[in-house]
Amino acid sequence: MLQSTMALSTTEAEYMVVAEGVKEALWLSGLLDDLGMKQECVKLSCDSQS
């Protein structure tokens, strides 16, 4: 079950979204590694446009 978290600023909201993206990227990287498709790195891009 997901818990909702309220951000007090747009910057905080962006950090929260980036953190979720990092978790997903790490999970996907682990899955690809398990399938024998090792990745050198995972690039995550974000901007400050709200």
N, C-alpha and C. Protein backbone atom coordinates (compact mmCIF):
# COMPACT_ATOMS: atom_id res chain seq x y z
N MET A 1 0.84 -1.18 0.00
CA MET A 1 0.00 0.00 0.00
C MET A 1 0.89 1.24 0.00
N LEU A 2 0.60 2.15 -0.88
CA LEU A 2 1.37 3.38 -0.97
C LEU A 2 0.86 4.42 0.01
N GLN A 3 1.78 5.13 0.62
CA GLN A 3 1.40 6.24 1.48
C GLN A 3 1.62 7.52 0.70
N SER A 4 0.67 8.42 0.78
CA SER A 4 0.84 9.69 0.09
C SER A 4 1.63 10.64 0.98
N THR A 5 2.47 11.42 0.34
CA THR A 5 3.28 12.40 1.04
C THR A 5 3.05 13.74 0.38
N MET A 6 2.84 14.75 1.19
CA MET A 6 2.59 16.08 0.65
C MET A 6 3.86 16.92 0.72
N ALA A 7 4.23 17.50 -0.40
CA ALA A 7 5.40 18.38 -0.44
C ALA A 7 4.97 19.79 -0.06
N LEU A 8 5.87 20.50 0.59
CA LEU A 8 5.59 21.87 1.00
C LEU A 8 6.08 22.89 -0.02
N SER A 9 6.82 22.42 -1.03
CA SER A 9 7.30 23.32 -2.08
C SER A 9 7.45 22.54 -3.37
N THR A 10 7.55 23.26 -4.48
CA THR A 10 7.73 22.57 -5.76
C THR A 10 9.10 21.90 -5.82
N THR A 11 10.10 22.50 -5.19
CA THR A 11 11.43 21.89 -5.16
C THR A 11 11.38 20.56 -4.43
N GLU A 12 10.70 20.54 -3.30
CA GLU A 12 10.57 19.30 -2.53
C GLU A 12 9.81 18.26 -3.34
N ALA A 13 8.79 18.67 -4.05
CA ALA A 13 8.02 17.74 -4.88
C ALA A 13 8.90 17.15 -5.98
N GLU A 14 9.74 17.98 -6.59
CA GLU A 14 10.64 17.49 -7.63
C GLU A 14 11.64 16.49 -7.06
N TYR A 15 12.18 16.76 -5.88
CA TYR A 15 13.10 15.81 -5.24
C TYR A 15 12.40 14.48 -4.96
N MET A 16 11.16 14.53 -4.54
CA MET A 16 10.41 13.31 -4.26
C MET A 16 10.23 12.49 -5.53
N VAL A 17 9.92 13.16 -6.63
CA VAL A 17 9.73 12.46 -7.90
C VAL A 17 11.06 11.88 -8.39
N VAL A 18 12.15 12.63 -8.25
CA VAL A 18 13.46 12.13 -8.65
C VAL A 18 13.84 10.91 -7.81
N ALA A 19 13.56 10.95 -6.51
CA ALA A 19 13.87 9.82 -5.64
C ALA A 19 13.12 8.57 -6.10
N GLU A 20 11.86 8.72 -6.47
CA GLU A 20 11.08 7.58 -6.97
C GLU A 20 11.68 7.08 -8.29
N GLY A 21 12.10 8.00 -9.14
CA GLY A 21 12.73 7.61 -10.40
C GLY A 21 14.02 6.83 -10.18
N VAL A 22 14.81 7.24 -9.20
CA VAL A 22 16.05 6.53 -8.87
C VAL A 22 15.73 5.12 -8.39
N LYS A 23 14.72 4.98 -7.54
CA LYS A 23 14.33 3.64 -7.07
C LYS A 23 13.94 2.75 -8.23
N GLU A 24 13.15 3.28 -9.16
CA GLU A 24 12.72 2.51 -10.33
C GLU A 24 13.92 2.14 -11.21
N ALA A 25 14.83 3.10 -11.41
CA ALA A 25 16.01 2.84 -12.25
C ALA A 25 16.90 1.77 -11.63
N LEU A 26 17.08 1.81 -10.31
CA LEU A 26 17.88 0.79 -9.64
C LEU A 26 17.24 -0.58 -9.74
N TRP A 27 15.92 -0.64 -9.59
CA TRP A 27 15.20 -1.90 -9.72
C TRP A 27 15.37 -2.45 -11.14
N LEU A 28 15.16 -1.59 -12.13
CA LEU A 28 15.27 -2.02 -13.52
C LEU A 28 16.70 -2.46 -13.85
N SER A 29 17.68 -1.75 -13.33
CA SER A 29 19.08 -2.11 -13.54
C SER A 29 19.36 -3.49 -12.95
N GLY A 30 18.83 -3.76 -11.77
CA GLY A 30 18.99 -5.08 -11.16
C GLY A 30 18.33 -6.18 -11.97
N LEU A 31 17.15 -5.89 -12.49
CA LEU A 31 16.44 -6.87 -13.32
C LEU A 31 17.24 -7.18 -14.58
N LEU A 32 17.73 -6.13 -15.25
CA LEU A 32 18.53 -6.34 -16.46
C LEU A 32 19.79 -7.13 -16.14
N ASP A 33 20.41 -6.85 -15.00
CA ASP A 33 21.60 -7.59 -14.58
C ASP A 33 21.26 -9.06 -14.38
N ASP A 34 20.13 -9.34 -13.74
CA ASP A 34 19.70 -10.73 -13.54
C ASP A 34 19.47 -11.45 -14.87
N LEU A 35 19.07 -10.71 -15.88
CA LEU A 35 18.82 -11.28 -17.20
C LEU A 35 20.09 -11.33 -18.06
N GLY A 36 21.23 -10.96 -17.46
CA GLY A 36 22.50 -11.01 -18.18
C GLY A 36 22.74 -9.82 -19.08
N MET A 37 22.04 -8.75 -18.85
CA MET A 37 22.19 -7.54 -19.68
C MET A 37 22.74 -6.42 -18.81
N LYS A 38 23.99 -6.58 -18.37
CA LYS A 38 24.61 -5.63 -17.45
C LYS A 38 24.69 -4.24 -18.07
N GLN A 39 24.31 -3.24 -17.30
CA GLN A 39 24.36 -1.84 -17.72
C GLN A 39 25.54 -1.16 -17.05
N GLU A 40 26.27 -0.35 -17.80
CA GLU A 40 27.39 0.40 -17.23
C GLU A 40 26.90 1.45 -16.24
N CYS A 41 25.88 2.19 -16.66
CA CYS A 41 25.32 3.22 -15.80
C CYS A 41 23.89 3.51 -16.23
N VAL A 42 23.19 4.17 -15.35
CA VAL A 42 21.83 4.60 -15.64
C VAL A 42 21.82 6.12 -15.54
N LYS A 43 21.39 6.78 -16.61
CA LYS A 43 21.33 8.24 -16.59
C LYS A 43 19.91 8.67 -16.26
N LEU A 44 19.80 9.56 -15.32
CA LEU A 44 18.51 10.12 -14.93
C LEU A 44 18.59 11.63 -15.13
N SER A 45 17.73 12.14 -15.97
CA SER A 45 17.73 13.58 -16.25
C SER A 45 16.49 14.22 -15.66
N CYS A 46 16.65 15.43 -15.17
CA CYS A 46 15.50 16.18 -14.68
C CYS A 46 15.78 17.66 -14.91
N ASP A 47 14.75 18.44 -14.87
CA ASP A 47 14.91 19.88 -15.00
C ASP A 47 14.06 20.56 -13.93
N SER A 48 14.18 21.84 -13.83
CA SER A 48 13.44 22.58 -12.80
C SER A 48 12.17 23.21 -13.35
N GLN A 49 11.68 22.71 -14.47
CA GLN A 49 10.44 23.23 -15.04
C GLN A 49 9.25 22.59 -14.35
N SER A 50 8.39 23.39 -13.78
CA SER A 50 7.22 22.86 -13.08
C SER A 50 6.00 22.92 -13.96
